[in-house]
PDB file of N, CA and C in Angstrom:
ATOM      1  N   MET A   1      -3.058   0.803 -16.662  1.00  0.00           N
ATOM      2  CA  MET A   1      -3.823  -0.254 -17.628  1.00  0.00           C
ATOM      3  C   MET A   1      -5.174   0.637 -17.022  1.00  0.00           C
ATOM      4  N   ASP A   2      -6.297   0.187 -18.075  1.00  0.00           N
ATOM      5  CA  ASP A   2      -7.612   0.895 -17.522  1.00  0.00           C
ATOM      6  C   ASP A   2      -8.407  -0.142 -16.697  1.00  0.00           C
ATOM      7  N   LYS A   3      -9.437   0.272 -16.412  1.00  0.00           N
ATOM      8  CA  LYS A   3     -10.476  -0.236 -15.203  1.00  0.00           C
ATOM      9  C   LYS A   3     -11.076  -1.599 -15.866  1.00  0.00           C
ATOM     10  N   ASN A   4     -11.417  -1.567 -17.368  1.00  0.00           N
ATOM     11  CA  ASN A   4     -11.772  -3.033 -17.709  1.00  0.00           C
ATOM     12  C   ASN A   4     -11.088  -3.765 -17.972  1.00  0.00           C
ATOM     13  N   ASP A   5      -9.474  -3.496 -18.264  1.00  0.00           N
ATOM     14  CA  ASP A   5      -8.466  -4.457 -18.330  1.00  0.00           C
ATOM     15  C   ASP A   5      -7.971  -5.006 -17.207  1.00  0.00           C
ATOM     16  N   LEU A   6      -8.217  -4.002 -16.114  1.00  0.00           N
ATOM     17  CA  LEU A   6      -7.838  -4.736 -14.571  1.00  0.00           C
ATOM     18  C   LEU A   6      -8.838  -5.417 -13.916  1.00  0.00           C
ATOM     19  N   VAL A   7      -9.968  -5.193 -14.292  1.00  0.00           N
ATOM     20  CA  VAL A   7     -11.322  -6.257 -13.816  1.00  0.00           C
ATOM     21  C   VAL A   7     -10.970  -7.417 -14.670  1.00  0.00           C
ATOM     22  N   GLN A   8     -10.704  -7.439 -15.884  1.00  0.00           N
ATOM     23  CA  GLN A   8     -10.320  -8.903 -16.848  1.00  0.00           C
ATOM     24  C   GLN A   8      -9.106  -9.698 -16.137  1.00  0.00           C
ATOM     25  N   LYS A   9      -7.830  -8.888 -15.813  1.00  0.00           N
ATOM     26  CA  LYS A   9      -7.238  -9.366 -14.951  1.00  0.00           C
ATOM     27  C   LYS A   9      -7.483  -9.888 -13.833  1.00  0.00           C
ATOM     28  N   ALA A  10      -8.112  -9.358 -13.201  1.00  0.00           N
ATOM     29  CA  ALA A  10      -8.486 -10.077 -11.633  1.00  0.00           C
ATOM     30  C   ALA A  10      -9.229 -11.456 -12.136  1.00  0.00           C
ATOM     31  N   LYS A  11      -9.845 -11.327 -13.035  1.00  0.00           N
ATOM     32  CA  LYS A  11     -10.858 -12.660 -13.373  1.00  0.00           C
ATOM     33  C   LYS A  11     -10.214 -13.628 -13.494  1.00  0.00           C
ATOM     34  N   LEU A  12      -8.825 -13.281 -14.535  1.00  0.00           N
ATOM     35  CA  LEU A  12      -8.085 -14.428 -14.958  1.00  0.00           C
ATOM     36  C   LEU A  12      -7.208 -14.823 -13.791  1.00  0.00           C
ATOM     37  N   ALA A  13      -6.697 -14.275 -13.069  1.00  0.00           N
ATOM     38  CA  ALA A  13      -6.183 -14.231 -12.091  1.00  0.00           C
ATOM     39  C   ALA A  13      -7.016 -15.069 -10.698  1.00  0.00           C
ATOM     40  N   GLU A  14      -8.056 -14.912 -10.553  1.00  0.00           N
ATOM     41  CA  GLU A  14      -9.095 -15.876  -9.943  1.00  0.00           C
ATOM     42  C   GLU A  14      -9.067 -17.174 -10.501  1.00  0.00           C
ATOM     43  N   GLN A  15      -9.109 -17.539 -11.717  1.00  0.00           N
ATOM     44  CA  GLN A  15      -9.297 -18.683 -12.292  1.00  0.00           C
ATOM     45  C   GLN A  15      -8.110 -19.483 -12.337  1.00  0.00           C
ATOM     46  N   ALA A  16      -6.946 -18.418 -11.804  1.00  0.00           N
ATOM     47  CA  ALA A  16      -5.515 -19.367 -12.033  1.00  0.00           C
ATOM     48  C   ALA A  16      -5.204 -19.555 -10.288  1.00  0.00           C
ATOM     49  N   GLU A  17      -6.199 -19.311  -9.702  1.00  0.00           N
ATOM     50  CA  GLU A  17      -6.113 -19.079  -8.276  1.00  0.00           C
ATOM     51  C   GLU A  17      -4.703 -18.127  -7.725  1.00  0.00           C
ATOM     52  N   ARG A  18      -4.558 -17.222  -8.624  1.00  0.00           N
ATOM     53  CA  ARG A  18      -3.353 -16.312  -7.664  1.00  0.00           C
ATOM     54  C   ARG A  18      -3.972 -15.309  -7.317  1.00  0.00           C
ATOM     55  N   TYR A  19      -4.665 -15.359  -5.769  1.00  0.00           N
ATOM     56  CA  TYR A  19      -5.315 -14.018  -5.427  1.00  0.00           C
ATOM     57  C   TYR A  19      -4.363 -13.152  -5.026  1.00  0.00           C
ATOM     58  N   ASP A  20      -3.297 -13.358  -4.750  1.00  0.00           N
ATOM     59  CA  ASP A  20      -2.364 -11.828  -4.739  1.00  0.00           C
ATOM     60  C   ASP A  20      -2.947 -11.152  -5.940  1.00  0.00           C
ATOM     61  N   ASP A  21      -2.432 -11.666  -6.975  1.00  0.00           N
ATOM     62  CA  ASP A  21      -2.287 -10.650  -8.432  1.00  0.00           C
ATOM     63  C   ASP A  21      -3.943 -10.477  -8.366  1.00  0.00           C
ATOM     64  N   MET A  22      -4.702 -11.344  -8.109  1.00  0.00           N
ATOM     65  CA  MET A  22      -6.630 -10.856  -8.262  1.00  0.00           C
ATOM     66  C   MET A  22      -6.401  -9.237  -7.302  1.00  0.00           C
ATOM     67  N   ALA A  23      -5.986  -9.626  -5.986  1.00  0.00           N
ATOM     68  CA  ALA A  23      -6.189  -8.317  -4.952  1.00  0.00           C
ATOM     69  C   ALA A  23      -5.443  -7.235  -5.812  1.00  0.00           C
ATOM     70  N   ALA A  24      -4.264  -7.111  -5.989  1.00  0.00           N
ATOM     71  CA  ALA A  24      -3.491  -5.908  -7.060  1.00  0.00           C
ATOM     72  C   ALA A  24      -4.265  -5.705  -7.723  1.00  0.00           C
ATOM     73  N   ALA A  25      -4.974  -6.462  -8.721  1.00  0.00           N
ATOM     74  CA  ALA A  25      -5.477  -5.859  -9.657  1.00  0.00           C
ATOM     75  C   ALA A  25      -6.938  -4.981  -9.421  1.00  0.00           C
ATOM     76  N   MET A  26      -7.371  -5.734  -8.753  1.00  0.00           N
ATOM     77  CA  MET A  26      -8.694  -4.845  -7.918  1.00  0.00           C
ATOM     78  C   MET A  26      -8.158  -3.365  -7.154  1.00  0.00           C
ATOM     79  N   LYS A  27      -7.007  -3.776  -6.162  1.00  0.00           N
ATOM     80  CA  LYS A  27      -6.831  -2.925  -5.612  1.00  0.00           C
ATOM     81  C   LYS A  27      -6.114  -1.315  -6.786  1.00  0.00           C
ATOM     82  N   ALA A  28      -6.111  -1.673  -7.447  1.00  0.00           N
ATOM     83  CA  ALA A  28      -5.588  -0.567  -8.757  1.00  0.00           C
ATOM     84  C   ALA A  28      -7.260  -0.115  -9.242  1.00  0.00           C
ATOM     85  N   VAL A  29      -8.160  -1.109  -9.419  1.00  0.00           N
ATOM     86  CA  VAL A  29      -9.344  -0.616  -9.910  1.00  0.00           C
ATOM     87  C   VAL A  29      -9.639   0.537  -8.688  1.00  0.00           C
ATOM     88  N   THR A  30      -9.630   0.201  -7.532  1.00  0.00           N
ATOM     89  CA  THR A  30     -10.375   1.448  -6.574  1.00  0.00           C
ATOM     90  C   THR A  30      -9.800   2.304  -6.553  1.00  0.00           C
ATOM     91  N   GLU A  31      -8.879   2.578  -7.052  1.00  0.00           N
ATOM     92  CA  GLU A  31      -7.828   3.701  -7.140  1.00  0.00           C
ATOM     93  C   GLU A  31      -7.945   4.667  -8.181  1.00  0.00           C
ATOM     94  N   GLN A  32      -8.999   3.945  -9.278  1.00  0.00           N
ATOM     95  CA  GLN A  32      -9.244   4.677  -9.997  1.00  0.00           C
ATOM     96  C   GLN A  32     -10.515   5.077 -10.360  1.00  0.00           C
ATOM     97  N   VAL A  33     -11.635   4.533  -9.979  1.00  0.00           N
ATOM     98  CA  VAL A  33     -12.993   4.608  -9.354  1.00  0.00           C
ATOM     99  C   VAL A  33     -13.488   5.044  -7.925  1.00  0.00           C
ATOM    100  N   PRO A  34     -14.282   6.094  -8.026  1.00  0.00           N
ATOM    101  CA  PRO A  34     -14.980   6.363  -6.438  1.00  0.00           C
ATOM    102  C   PRO A  34     -15.726   5.346  -6.113  1.00  0.00           C
ATOM    103  N   GLU A  35     -16.464   4.586  -6.994  1.00  0.00           N
ATOM    104  CA  GLU A  35     -17.443   3.419  -6.747  1.00  0.00           C
ATOM    105  C   GLU A  35     -17.140   2.578  -7.588  1.00  0.00           C
ATOM    106  N   LEU A  36     -17.465   1.312  -6.646  1.00  0.00           N
ATOM    107  CA  LEU A  36     -17.287  -0.078  -7.271  1.00  0.00           C
ATOM    108  C   LEU A  36     -19.091  -0.642  -7.787  1.00  0.00           C
ATOM    109  N   SER A  37     -18.976  -1.384  -9.191  1.00  0.00           N
ATOM    110  CA  SER A  37     -19.793  -1.762  -9.252  1.00  0.00           C
ATOM    111  C   SER A  37     -20.244  -3.385  -8.370  1.00  0.00           C
ATOM    112  N   ASN A  38     -21.351  -3.686  -8.944  1.00  0.00           N
ATOM    113  CA  ASN A  38     -21.574  -5.183  -7.742  1.00  0.00           C
ATOM    114  C   ASN A  38     -20.198  -6.252  -8.105  1.00  0.00           C
ATOM    115  N   GLU A  39     -20.024  -6.292  -9.376  1.00  0.00           N
ATOM    116  CA  GLU A  39     -19.469  -7.329 -10.172  1.00  0.00           C
ATOM    117  C   GLU A  39     -17.858  -6.779  -9.257  1.00  0.00           C
ATOM    118  N   GLU A  40     -17.263  -5.633  -9.647  1.00  0.00           N
ATOM    119  CA  GLU A  40     -16.128  -5.355  -9.067  1.00  0.00           C
ATOM    120  C   GLU A  40     -15.785  -5.268  -7.628  1.00  0.00           C
ATOM    121  N   ARG A  41     -16.751  -5.170  -6.632  1.00  0.00           N
ATOM    122  CA  ARG A  41     -17.038  -5.325  -5.246  1.00  0.00           C
ATOM    123  C   ARG A  41     -16.876  -6.437  -5.006  1.00  0.00           C
ATOM    124  N   ASN A  42     -17.654  -7.670  -5.808  1.00  0.00           N
ATOM    125  CA  ASN A  42     -17.480  -9.194  -5.491  1.00  0.00           C
ATOM    126  C   ASN A  42     -15.870  -9.718  -5.914  1.00  0.00           C
ATOM    127  N   LEU A  43     -15.599  -9.295  -6.653  1.00  0.00           N
ATOM    128  CA  LEU A  43     -14.371  -9.536  -7.028  1.00  0.00           C
ATOM    129  C   LEU A  43     -13.113  -8.982  -6.001  1.00  0.00           C
ATOM    130  N   LEU A  44     -13.198  -7.733  -5.622  1.00  0.00           N
ATOM    131  CA  LEU A  44     -12.631  -7.205  -4.477  1.00  0.00           C
ATOM    132  C   LEU A  44     -12.450  -8.475  -3.241  1.00  0.00           C
ATOM    133  N   SER A  45     -13.875  -8.238  -2.991  1.00  0.00           N
ATOM    134  CA  SER A  45     -14.100  -9.391  -1.886  1.00  0.00           C
ATOM    135  C   SER A  45     -13.350 -11.123  -1.981  1.00  0.00           C
ATOM    136  N   VAL A  46     -13.777 -11.391  -2.991  1.00  0.00           N
ATOM    137  CA  VAL A  46     -13.235 -12.674  -3.417  1.00  0.00           C
ATOM    138  C   VAL A  46     -11.838 -12.772  -3.068  1.00  0.00           C
ATOM    139  N   ALA A  47     -11.084 -11.518  -3.841  1.00  0.00           N
ATOM    140  CA  ALA A  47      -9.318 -11.316  -4.020  1.00  0.00           C
ATOM    141  C   ALA A  47      -9.319 -11.505  -2.391  1.00  0.00           C
ATOM    142  N   TYR A  48      -9.754 -10.724  -1.615  1.00  0.00           N
ATOM    143  CA  TYR A  48      -9.348 -10.205  -0.147  1.00  0.00           C
ATOM    144  C   TYR A  48      -9.337 -11.412   0.725  1.00  0.00           C
ATOM    145  N   LYS A  49     -10.842 -12.127   0.382  1.00  0.00           N
ATOM    146  CA  LYS A  49     -11.003 -13.325   1.586  1.00  0.00           C
ATOM    147  C   LYS A  49      -9.900 -14.496   1.142  1.00  0.00           C
ATOM    148  N   ASN A  50      -9.434 -14.500  -0.021  1.00  0.00           N
ATOM    149  CA  ASN A  50      -8.543 -15.646  -0.441  1.00  0.00           C
ATOM    150  C   ASN A  50      -6.996 -15.416   0.200  1.00  0.00           C
ATOM    151  N   VAL A  51      -6.744 -13.889   0.197  1.00  0.00           N
ATOM    152  CA  VAL A  51      -5.400 -13.367   0.624  1.00  0.00           C
ATOM    153  C   VAL A  51      -5.358 -13.712   1.525  1.00  0.00           C
ATOM    154  N   VAL A  52      -6.323 -13.184   2.802  1.00  0.00           N
ATOM    155  CA  VAL A  52      -6.190 -13.371   4.055  1.00  0.00           C
ATOM    156  C   VAL A  52      -6.595 -14.484   4.590  1.00  0.00           C
ATOM    157  N   GLY A  53      -7.252 -15.522   4.027  1.00  0.00           N
ATOM    158  CA  GLY A  53      -7.610 -17.035   4.338  1.00  0.00           C
ATOM    159  C   GLY A  53      -6.450 -17.431   4.280  1.00  0.00           C
ATOM    160  N   ALA A  54      -5.222 -17.593   3.372  1.00  0.00           N
ATOM    161  CA  ALA A  54      -4.555 -18.021   3.027  1.00  0.00           C
ATOM    162  C   ALA A  54      -3.521 -17.957   4.488  1.00  0.00           C
ATOM    163  N   ARG A  55      -3.143 -16.569   4.453  1.00  0.00           N
ATOM    164  CA  ARG A  55      -2.580 -16.190   5.806  1.00  0.00           C
ATOM    165  C   ARG A  55      -3.054 -16.814   7.176  1.00  0.00           C
ATOM    166  N   ARG A  56      -4.333 -16.664   7.044  1.00  0.00           N
ATOM    167  CA  ARG A  56      -4.821 -17.317   8.668  1.00  0.00           C
ATOM    168  C   ARG A  56      -4.507 -19.016   8.627  1.00  0.00           C
ATOM    169  N   SER A  57      -4.354 -19.356   7.457  1.00  0.00           N
ATOM    170  CA  SER A  57      -4.114 -20.833   7.675  1.00  0.00           C
ATOM    171  C   SER A  57      -2.985 -20.850   8.070  1.00  0.00           C
ATOM    172  N   SER A  58      -1.815 -19.979   7.507  1.00  0.00           N
ATOM    173  CA  SER A  58      -0.383 -20.277   7.459  1.00  0.00           C
ATOM    174  C   SER A  58      -0.375 -19.788   9.423  1.00  0.00           C
ATOM    175  N   TRP A  59      -1.114 -18.683   9.718  1.00  0.00           N
ATOM    176  CA  TRP A  59      -0.828 -18.228  11.059  1.00  0.00           C
ATOM    177  C   TRP A  59      -1.327 -19.358  11.982  1.00  0.00           C
ATOM    178  N   ARG A  60      -2.354 -20.255  11.805  1.00  0.00           N
ATOM    179  CA  ARG A  60      -2.666 -21.309  12.377  1.00  0.00           C
ATOM    180  C   ARG A  60      -1.791 -22.511  12.446  1.00  0.00           C
ATOM    181  N   VAL A  61      -1.248 -22.816  11.433  1.00  0.00           N
ATOM    182  CA  VAL A  61       0.018 -23.760  11.376  1.00  0.00           C
ATOM    183  C   VAL A  61       1.216 -23.770  12.120  1.00  0.00           C
ATOM    184  N   ILE A  62       1.301 -22.232  11.979  1.00  0.00           N
ATOM    185  CA  ILE A  62       2.922 -21.798  12.689  1.00  0.00           C
ATOM    186  C   ILE A  62       2.344 -21.994  13.922  1.00  0.00           C
ATOM    187  N   SER A  63       1.499 -21.322  14.242  1.00  0.00           N
ATOM    188  CA  SER A  63       1.282 -21.094  15.969  1.00  0.00           C
ATOM    189  C   SER A  63       1.241 -22.660  16.407  1.00  0.00           C
ATOM    190  N   SER A  64       0.370 -23.446  15.707  1.00  0.00           N
ATOM    191  CA  SER A  64       0.644 -24.721  16.617  1.00  0.00           C
ATOM    192  C   SER A  64       1.624 -25.307  16.511  1.00  0.00           C
ATOM    193  N   ILE A  65       2.950 -25.027  15.658  1.00  0.00           N
ATOM    194  CA  ILE A  65       3.967 -25.421  15.788  1.00  0.00           C
ATOM    195  C   ILE A  65       5.037 -24.937  16.808  1.00  0.00           C
ATOM    196  N   GLU A  66       4.622 -23.723  17.065  1.00  0.00           N
ATOM    197  CA  GLU A  66       5.575 -22.876  18.197  1.00  0.00           C
ATOM    198  C   GLU A  66       4.954 -23.457  19.207  1.00  0.00           C
ATOM    199  N   GLN A  67       3.406 -23.489  19.759  1.00  0.00           N
ATOM    200  CA  GLN A  67       3.510 -24.258  20.808  1.00  0.00           C
ATOM    201  C   GLN A  67       3.528 -25.800  21.320  1.00  0.00           C
ATOM    202  N   LYS A  68       3.845 -26.121  20.266  1.00  0.00           N
ATOM    203  CA  LYS A  68       4.418 -27.750  20.272  1.00  0.00           C
ATOM    204  C   LYS A  68       6.128 -28.027  20.304  1.00  0.00           C
ATOM    205  N   THR A  69       6.805 -26.938  20.112  1.00  0.00           N
ATOM    206  CA  THR A  69       8.253 -26.729  20.505  1.00  0.00           C
ATOM    207  C   THR A  69       8.524 -26.764  21.531  1.00  0.00           C
ATOM    208  N   ASP A  70       8.310 -27.476  22.536  1.00  0.00           N
ATOM    209  CA  ASP A  70       8.580 -27.626  23.966  1.00  0.00           C
ATOM    210  C   ASP A  70      10.457 -27.862  24.078  1.00  0.00           C
ATOM    211  N   GLY A  71      11.130 -27.435  24.812  1.00  0.00           N
ATOM    212  CA  GLY A  71      12.279 -27.615  25.179  1.00  0.00           C
ATOM    213  C   GLY A  71      13.369 -27.030  23.868  1.00  0.00           C
ATOM    214  N   ASN A  72      13.032 -26.474  22.889  1.00  0.00           N
ATOM    215  CA  ASN A  72      14.029 -26.223  21.547  1.00  0.00           C
ATOM    216  C   ASN A  72      13.645 -24.672  21.469  1.00  0.00           C
ATOM    217  N   ASP A  73      14.419 -23.884  22.205  1.00  0.00           N
ATOM    218  CA  ASP A  73      14.315 -22.512  22.331  1.00  0.00           C
ATOM    219  C   ASP A  73      14.303 -22.089  20.734  1.00  0.00           C
ATOM    220  N   LYS A  74      15.581 -22.754  20.216  1.00  0.00           N
ATOM    221  CA  LYS A  74      15.799 -22.244  19.182  1.00  0.00           C
ATOM    222  C   LYS A  74      14.661 -22.094  17.882  1.00  0.00           C
ATOM    223  N   LYS A  75      14.061 -23.508  17.858  1.00  0.00           N
ATOM    224  CA  LYS A  75      12.592 -23.762  17.239  1.00  0.00           C
ATOM    225  C   LYS A  75      11.583 -22.779  17.389  1.00  0.00           C
ATOM    226  N   GLN A  76      11.557 -22.799  18.669  1.00  0.00           N
ATOM    227  CA  GLN A  76      10.086 -21.815  19.197  1.00  0.00           C
ATOM    228  C   GLN A  76      10.570 -20.341  18.979  1.00  0.00           C
ATOM    229  N   GLN A  77      11.639 -20.020  19.114  1.00  0.00           N
ATOM    230  CA  GLN A  77      12.149 -18.575  18.616  1.00  0.00           C
ATOM    231  C   GLN A  77      11.804 -18.357  16.989  1.00  0.00           C
ATOM    232  N   MET A  78      12.167 -19.550  16.230  1.00  0.00           N
ATOM    233  CA  MET A  78      11.930 -19.148  14.697  1.00  0.00           C
ATOM    234  C   MET A  78      10.444 -19.098  14.636  1.00  0.00           C
ATOM    235  N   ALA A  79      10.065 -20.271  15.047  1.00  0.00           N
ATOM    236  CA  ALA A  79       7.961 -20.242  14.698  1.00  0.00           C
ATOM    237  C   ALA A  79       7.782 -18.738  15.235  1.00  0.00           C
ATOM    238  N   ARG A  80       7.984 -18.343  16.327  1.00  0.00           N
ATOM    239  CA  ARG A  80       7.599 -16.921  16.834  1.00  0.00           C
ATOM    240  C   ARG A  80       7.794 -16.074  16.001  1.00  0.00           C
ATOM    241  N   GLU A  81       9.004 -15.720  15.378  1.00  0.00           N
ATOM    242  CA  GLU A  81       9.085 -14.764  14.437  1.00  0.00           C
ATOM    243  C   GLU A  81       8.756 -14.948  13.052  1.00  0.00           C
ATOM    244  N   TYR A  82       8.182 -15.754  12.604  1.00  0.00           N
ATOM    245  CA  TYR A  82       7.542 -16.396  11.507  1.00  0.00           C
ATOM    246  C   TYR A  82       6.087 -16.133  11.812  1.00  0.00           C
ATOM    247  N   ARG A  83       5.352 -16.400  12.492  1.00  0.00           N
ATOM    248  CA  ARG A  83       4.031 -16.043  13.285  1.00  0.00           C
ATOM    249  C   ARG A  83       4.332 -14.587  13.286  1.00  0.00           C
ATOM    250  N   MET A  84       5.095 -13.990  13.979  1.00  0.00           N
ATOM    251  CA  MET A  84       4.928 -12.368  13.821  1.00  0.00           C
ATOM    252  C   MET A  84       4.866 -11.944  12.446  1.00  0.00           C
ATOM    253  N   LYS A  85       5.684 -12.349  11.497  1.00  0.00           N
ATOM    254  CA  LYS A  85       5.604 -11.946  10.523  1.00  0.00           C
ATOM    255  C   LYS A  85       4.450 -11.958   9.570  1.00  0.00           C
ATOM    256  N   ILE A  86       4.029 -13.447   9.500  1.00  0.00           N
ATOM    257  CA  ILE A  86       2.557 -13.510   8.987  1.00  0.00           C
ATOM    258  C   ILE A  86       1.641 -12.491   9.934  1.00  0.00           C
ATOM    259  N   GLU A  87       1.499 -12.330  10.896  1.00  0.00           N
ATOM    260  CA  GLU A  87       0.610 -11.242  11.561  1.00  0.00           C
ATOM    261  C   GLU A  87       0.751 -10.232  11.254  1.00  0.00           C
ATOM    262  N   THR A  88       2.064  -9.311  10.712  1.00  0.00           N
ATOM    263  CA  THR A  88       2.273  -8.032  10.040  1.00  0.00           C
ATOM    264  C   THR A  88       1.590  -8.143   8.961  1.00  0.00           C
ATOM    265  N   GLU A  89       1.801  -8.860   7.920  1.00  0.00           N
ATOM    266  CA  GLU A  89       1.154  -9.247   6.544  1.00  0.00           C
ATOM    267  C   GLU A  89      -0.402  -9.195   6.624  1.00  0.00           C
ATOM    268  N   LEU A  90      -0.775  -9.784   7.889  1.00  0.00           N
ATOM    269  CA  LEU A  90      -2.387  -9.882   8.019  1.00  0.00           C
ATOM    270  C   LEU A  90      -2.782  -8.348   8.167  1.00  0.00           C
ATOM    271  N   GLN A  91      -2.233  -7.444   9.234  1.00  0.00           N
ATOM    272  CA  GLN A  91      -2.463  -6.261   9.629  1.00  0.00           C
ATOM    273  C   GLN A  91      -2.552  -5.401   8.455  1.00  0.00           C
ATOM    274  N   GLU A  92      -1.380  -5.451   7.382  1.00  0.00           N
ATOM    275  CA  GLU A  92      -0.998  -4.571   6.294  1.00  0.00           C
ATOM    276  C   GLU A  92      -2.251  -4.983   5.604  1.00  0.00           C
ATOM    277  N   ILE A  93      -2.374  -6.127   4.972  1.00  0.00           N
ATOM    278  CA  ILE A  93      -3.488  -6.438   4.314  1.00  0.00           C
ATOM    279  C   ILE A  93      -4.999  -5.698   4.572  1.00  0.00           C
ATOM    280  N   CYS A  94      -5.235  -6.018   6.062  1.00  0.00           N
ATOM    281  CA  CYS A  94      -6.428  -5.459   6.220  1.00  0.00           C
ATOM    282  C   CYS A  94      -6.714  -4.168   6.544  1.00  0.00           C
ATOM    283  N   ASN A  95      -5.366  -3.569   6.839  1.00  0.00           N
ATOM    284  CA  ASN A  95      -5.646  -2.284   7.112  1.00  0.00           C
ATOM    285  C   ASN A  95      -5.780  -1.267   5.697  1.00  0.00           C
ATOM    286  N   ASP A  96      -4.948  -1.905   4.631  1.00  0.00           N
ATOM    287  CA  ASP A  96      -4.832  -1.611   3.052  1.00  0.00           C
ATOM    288  C   ASP A  96      -6.448  -1.643   2.512  1.00  0.00           C
ATOM    289  N   VAL A  97      -7.224  -2.804   2.513  1.00  0.00           N
ATOM    290  CA  VAL A  97      -8.478  -2.512   2.077  1.00  0.00           C
ATOM    291  C   VAL A  97      -9.452  -1.575   2.578  1.00  0.00           C
ATOM    292  N   LEU A  98      -9.507  -1.803   4.336  1.00  0.00           N
ATOM    293  CA  LEU A  98     -10.070  -0.754   4.812  1.00  0.00           C
ATOM    294  C   LEU A  98      -9.888   0.442   4.740  1.00  0.00           C
ATOM    295  N   VAL A  99      -9.076   0.664   4.739  1.00  0.00           N
ATOM    296  CA  VAL A  99      -8.720   2.496   4.630  1.00  0.00           C
ATOM    297  C   VAL A  99      -8.875   2.960   3.082  1.00  0.00           C
ATOM    298  N   ARG A 100      -8.254   2.041   2.355  1.00  0.00           N
ATOM    299  CA  ARG A 100      -8.617   2.132   0.947  1.00  0.00           C
ATOM    300  C   ARG A 100     -10.520   2.118   0.400  1.00  0.00           C
ATOM    301  N   ARG A 101     -10.991   1.738   0.980  1.00  0.00           N
ATOM    302  CA  ARG A 101     -12.355   1.554   0.663  1.00  0.00           C
ATOM    303  C   ARG A 101     -13.417   2.694   1.394  1.00  0.00           C
ATOM    304  N   GLY A 102     -12.255   3.737   2.240  1.00  0.00           N
ATOM    305  CA  GLY A 102     -12.877   4.538   3.021  1.00  0.00           C
ATOM    306  C   GLY A 102     -13.677   4.328   4.685  1.00  0.00           C
ATOM    307  N   MET A 103     -13.415   3.092   4.613  1.00  0.00           N
ATOM    308  CA  MET A 103     -13.883   2.532   6.185  1.00  0.00           C
ATOM    309  C   MET A 103     -13.370   2.840   7.401  1.00  0.00           C
ATOM    310  N   GLY A 104     -11.953   2.936   7.169  1.00  0.00           N
ATOM    311  CA  GLY A 104     -11.161   3.741   7.933  1.00  0.00           C
ATOM    312  C   GLY A 104     -11.059   5.646   7.827  1.00  0.00           C
ATOM    313  N   GLY A 105     -11.024   5.768   6.791  1.00  0.00           N
ATOM    314  CA  GLY A 105     -11.138   7.134   6.187  1.00  0.00           C
ATOM    315  C   GLY A 105      -9.505   7.649   6.319  1.00  0.00           C
ATOM    316  N   ALA A 106      -8.890   8.597   5.426  1.00  0.00           N
ATOM    317  CA  ALA A 106      -7.595   9.086   5.257  1.00  0.00           C
ATOM    318  C   ALA A 106      -7.373   9.629   6.650  1.00  0.00           C
ATOM    319  N   GLY A 107      -8.234  10.226   7.304  1.00  0.00           N
ATOM    320  CA  GLY A 107      -7.819  10.954   8.753  1.00  0.00           C
ATOM    321  C   GLY A 107      -7.363  10.149   9.820  1.00  0.00           C
ATOM    322  N   ASN A 108      -8.007   8.575   9.624  1.00  0.00           N
ATOM    323  CA  ASN A 108      -8.044   7.725  10.621  1.00  0.00           C
ATOM    324  C   ASN A 108      -6.801   6.525  10.614  1.00  0.00           C
ATOM    325  N   GLU A 109      -6.112   6.942   9.854  1.00  0.00           N
ATOM    326  CA  GLU A 109      -5.121   5.928   9.375  1.00  0.00           C
ATOM    327  C   GLU A 109      -4.066   5.576  10.342  1.00  0.00           C
ATOM    328  N   GLY A 110      -3.701   6.312  11.437  1.00  0.00           N
ATOM    329  CA  GLY A 110      -3.133   6.068  12.603  1.00  0.00           C
ATOM    330  C   GLY A 110      -3.675   5.162  13.512  1.00  0.00           C
ATOM    331  N   GLU A 111      -5.062   5.514  13.600  1.00  0.00           N
ATOM    332  CA  GLU A 111      -5.826   4.660  14.420  1.00  0.00           C
ATOM    333  C   GLU A 111      -5.966   3.231  14.065  1.00  0.00           C
ATOM    334  N   ALA A 112      -6.146   2.955  12.730  1.00  0.00           N
ATOM    335  CA  ALA A 112      -6.295   1.736  12.234  1.00  0.00           C
ATOM    336  C   ALA A 112      -4.934   1.152  11.896  1.00  0.00           C
ATOM    337  N   GLY A 113      -4.022   1.720  12.108  1.00  0.00           N
ATOM    338  CA  GLY A 113      -2.300   1.135  12.545  1.00  0.00           C
ATOM    339  C   GLY A 113      -2.370   0.593  13.641  1.00  0.00           C
ATOM    340  N   ASN A 114      -2.977   1.015  14.880  1.00  0.00           N
ATOM    341  CA  ASN A 114      -2.828   0.563  16.401  1.00  0.00           C
ATOM    342  C   ASN A 114      -3.696  -0.614  16.473  1.00  0.00           C
ATOM    343  N   GLU A 115      -4.561  -1.189  15.801  1.00  0.00           N
ATOM    344  CA  GLU A 115      -5.569  -2.256  15.935  1.00  0.00           C
ATOM    345  C   GLU A 115      -4.947  -3.656  15.600  1.00  0.00           C
ATOM    346  N   GLY A 116      -5.739  -4.549  16.062  1.00  0.00           N
ATOM    347  CA  GLY A 116      -5.404  -5.744  15.909  1.00  0.00           C
ATOM    348  C   GLY A 116      -4.148  -6.656  16.545  1.00  0.00           C
ATOM    349  N   GLU A 117      -3.965  -5.913  17.902  1.00  0.00           N
ATOM    350  CA  GLU A 117      -3.013  -6.481  18.883  1.00  0.00           C
ATOM    351  C   GLU A 117      -3.330  -7.726  19.402  1.00  0.00           C
ATOM    352  N   GLY A 118      -4.614  -8.098  19.533  1.00  0.00           N
ATOM    353  CA  GLY A 118      -4.834  -9.814  20.406  1.00  0.00           C
ATOM    354  C   GLY A 118      -5.780 -10.393  19.164  1.00  0.00           C
ATOM    355  N   LYS A 119      -4.856 -11.082  18.020  1.00  0.00           N
ATOM    356  CA  LYS A 119      -5.510 -11.847  17.315  1.00  0.00           C
ATOM    357  C   LYS A 119      -6.329 -13.133  17.588  1.00  0.00           C
TER     358      LYS A 119
END
């Protein structure tokens, strides 16, 4: 798919509030061009802001549930594992966009993967 089609797909995904699809389309745009236009940069920003925001909201809910499950080790363990899954998703999303846009650089990928221990 060419860049213009991907940008159009990202706009449609935004209108449908399908931010994972929007992020995927804009990620593909970043792979095709070395520099983004203002519009493309804004679409990338909106996509990742919403993708991360949804997971942050999930993290808050699950963390609260985890803290409130006194005396039920099984429930607490399930909540802890689910929270850790969400944290891993957040790390992967953030590392992907930072490394992809040159903020971390290709040579610093290992360093970027070690960050974010204390959310």
